[in-house]
């Protein structure tokens, strides 16, 4: 999802080096302006939180259900990107 968000931002000539900056900019440029549902911004925020948990939490800190949900959200995000290609 992060790389898809980066691609959305690149389409507007915006580039950032930090995950937090990409997430914030995506929210500002796309969710706040209602170009995409705010759910997609929330998906990014929650994915980043889980990534941090997975990287720095205890072993098996991310459950199978949480991982499955992230895969589903990533598929939704990719579908959105494909649908919006060329419109931004």
C-alpha atoms as a PDB file:
ATOM      1  CA  UNK A   1       0.000   0.000   0.000  1.00  0.00           C
ATOM      2  CA  UNK A   2       2.857   2.339   0.810  1.00  0.00           C
ATOM      3  CA  UNK A   3       4.290   2.119  -2.704  1.00  0.00           C
ATOM      4  CA  UNK A   4       0.872   2.677  -4.230  1.00  0.00           C
ATOM      5  CA  UNK A   5       0.472   5.794  -2.077  1.00  0.00           C
ATOM      6  CA  UNK A   6       3.899   6.931  -3.280  1.00  0.00           C
ATOM      7  CA  UNK A   7       2.777   6.421  -6.882  1.00  0.00           C
ATOM      8  CA  UNK A   8      -0.346   8.528  -6.268  1.00  0.00           C
ATOM      9  CA  UNK A   9       1.849  11.300  -4.880  1.00  0.00           C
ATOM     10  CA  UNK A  10       4.387  11.007  -7.710  1.00  0.00           C
ATOM     11  CA  UNK A  11       1.474  11.606 -10.073  1.00  0.00           C
ATOM     12  CA  UNK A  12       1.205  15.057  -8.482  1.00  0.00           C
ATOM     13  CA  UNK A  13       4.944  15.633  -8.600  1.00  0.00           C
ATOM     14  CA  UNK A  14       5.367  14.992  -4.868  1.00  0.00           C
ATOM     15  CA  UNK A  15       8.075  12.819  -3.343  1.00  0.00           C
ATOM     16  CA  UNK A  16       8.952  12.113   0.274  1.00  0.00           C
ATOM     17  CA  UNK A  17      11.694  10.123   1.980  1.00  0.00           C
ATOM     18  CA  UNK A  18       9.877   9.115   5.179  1.00  0.00           C
ATOM     19  CA  UNK A  19       6.960   6.736   5.569  1.00  0.00           C
ATOM     20  CA  UNK A  20       5.207   9.187   7.889  1.00  0.00           C
ATOM     21  CA  UNK A  21       5.519  11.978   5.314  1.00  0.00           C
ATOM     22  CA  UNK A  22       4.050   9.789   2.560  1.00  0.00           C
ATOM     23  CA  UNK A  23       1.132   8.800   4.772  1.00  0.00           C
ATOM     24  CA  UNK A  24       0.459  12.402   5.837  1.00  0.00           C
ATOM     25  CA  UNK A  25       0.724  13.723   2.277  1.00  0.00           C
ATOM     26  CA  UNK A  26      -1.588  11.020   0.947  1.00  0.00           C
ATOM     27  CA  UNK A  27      -4.162  12.015   3.535  1.00  0.00           C
ATOM     28  CA  UNK A  28      -3.786  15.706   2.735  1.00  0.00           C
ATOM     29  CA  UNK A  29      -3.723  15.375  -1.062  1.00  0.00           C
ATOM     30  CA  UNK A  30      -6.240  12.579  -1.629  1.00  0.00           C
ATOM     31  CA  UNK A  31      -8.382  11.772   1.421  1.00  0.00           C
ATOM     32  CA  UNK A  32      -8.994  15.351   2.594  1.00  0.00           C
ATOM     33  CA  UNK A  33      -9.830  16.453  -0.937  1.00  0.00           C
ATOM     34  CA  UNK A  34     -12.185  13.462  -1.262  1.00  0.00           C
ATOM     35  CA  UNK A  35     -10.395  12.109  -4.331  1.00  0.00           C
ATOM     36  CA  UNK A  36     -10.294   8.777  -2.494  1.00  0.00           C
ATOM     37  CA  UNK A  37     -12.290   7.437   0.429  1.00  0.00           C
ATOM     38  CA  UNK A  38     -10.777   8.314   3.789  1.00  0.00           C
ATOM     39  CA  UNK A  39     -10.699   4.568   4.481  1.00  0.00           C
ATOM     40  CA  UNK A  40      -7.618   4.296   2.263  1.00  0.00           C
ATOM     41  CA  UNK A  41      -5.735   6.816   4.381  1.00  0.00           C
ATOM     42  CA  UNK A  42      -6.764   4.874   7.488  1.00  0.00           C
ATOM     43  CA  UNK A  43      -5.564   1.660   5.816  1.00  0.00           C
ATOM     44  CA  UNK A  44      -2.120   3.248   5.376  1.00  0.00           C
ATOM     45  CA  UNK A  45      -1.971   4.434   8.980  1.00  0.00           C
ATOM     46  CA  UNK A  46      -2.985   1.053  10.371  1.00  0.00           C
ATOM     47  CA  UNK A  47      -0.619  -0.830   8.047  1.00  0.00           C
ATOM     48  CA  UNK A  48       2.275   1.318   9.259  1.00  0.00           C
ATOM     49  CA  UNK A  49       1.314   0.628  12.877  1.00  0.00           C
ATOM     50  CA  UNK A  50       1.251  -3.121  12.197  1.00  0.00           C
ATOM     51  CA  UNK A  51       4.564  -2.909  10.352  1.00  0.00           C
ATOM     52  CA  UNK A  52       6.122  -1.277  13.396  1.00  0.00           C
ATOM     53  CA  UNK A  53       4.574  -3.923  15.658  1.00  0.00           C
ATOM     54  CA  UNK A  54       5.868  -6.687  13.410  1.00  0.00           C
ATOM     55  CA  UNK A  55       9.346  -5.209  13.207  1.00  0.00           C
ATOM     56  CA  UNK A  56       9.807  -4.271  16.849  1.00  0.00           C
ATOM     57  CA  UNK A  57       7.193  -6.220  18.817  1.00  0.00           C
ATOM     58  CA  UNK A  58       7.392  -9.685  20.226  1.00  0.00           C
ATOM     59  CA  UNK A  59       7.569 -12.736  18.018  1.00  0.00           C
ATOM     60  CA  UNK A  60       4.153 -13.385  16.414  1.00  0.00           C
ATOM     61  CA  UNK A  61       2.933  -9.920  17.464  1.00  0.00           C
ATOM     62  CA  UNK A  62       0.878  -9.683  14.257  1.00  0.00           C
ATOM     63  CA  UNK A  63      -1.842 -12.311  14.032  1.00  0.00           C
ATOM     64  CA  UNK A  64      -2.799 -14.281  10.956  1.00  0.00           C
ATOM     65  CA  UNK A  65      -6.155 -12.470  10.918  1.00  0.00           C
ATOM     66  CA  UNK A  66      -4.419  -9.081  10.977  1.00  0.00           C
ATOM     67  CA  UNK A  67      -2.114 -10.125   8.146  1.00  0.00           C
ATOM     68  CA  UNK A  68      -5.044 -11.430   6.109  1.00  0.00           C
ATOM     69  CA  UNK A  69      -6.893  -8.155   6.617  1.00  0.00           C
ATOM     70  CA  UNK A  70      -3.844  -6.215   5.389  1.00  0.00           C
ATOM     71  CA  UNK A  71      -3.658  -8.360   2.258  1.00  0.00           C
ATOM     72  CA  UNK A  72      -7.337  -7.660   1.564  1.00  0.00           C
ATOM     73  CA  UNK A  73      -6.797  -3.937   2.065  1.00  0.00           C
ATOM     74  CA  UNK A  74      -3.746  -3.983  -0.193  1.00  0.00           C
ATOM     75  CA  UNK A  75      -5.825  -5.623  -2.921  1.00  0.00           C
ATOM     76  CA  UNK A  76      -8.478  -2.896  -2.509  1.00  0.00           C
ATOM     77  CA  UNK A  77      -5.768  -0.238  -2.688  1.00  0.00           C
ATOM     78  CA  UNK A  78      -4.340  -1.758  -5.871  1.00  0.00           C
ATOM     79  CA  UNK A  79      -7.813  -1.927  -7.432  1.00  0.00           C
ATOM     80  CA  UNK A  80      -8.315   1.742  -6.602  1.00  0.00           C
ATOM     81  CA  UNK A  81      -4.991   2.647  -8.222  1.00  0.00           C
ATOM     82  CA  UNK A  82      -5.823   0.697 -11.377  1.00  0.00           C
ATOM     83  CA  UNK A  83      -9.266   2.295 -11.528  1.00  0.00           C
ATOM     84  CA  UNK A  84      -7.859   5.813 -11.089  1.00  0.00           C
ATOM     85  CA  UNK A  85      -4.875   5.465 -13.417  1.00  0.00           C
ATOM     86  CA  UNK A  86      -4.678   8.478 -15.651  1.00  0.00           C
ATOM     87  CA  UNK A  87      -7.290  10.483 -13.755  1.00  0.00           C
ATOM     88  CA  UNK A  88      -4.935  12.318 -11.377  1.00  0.00           C
END
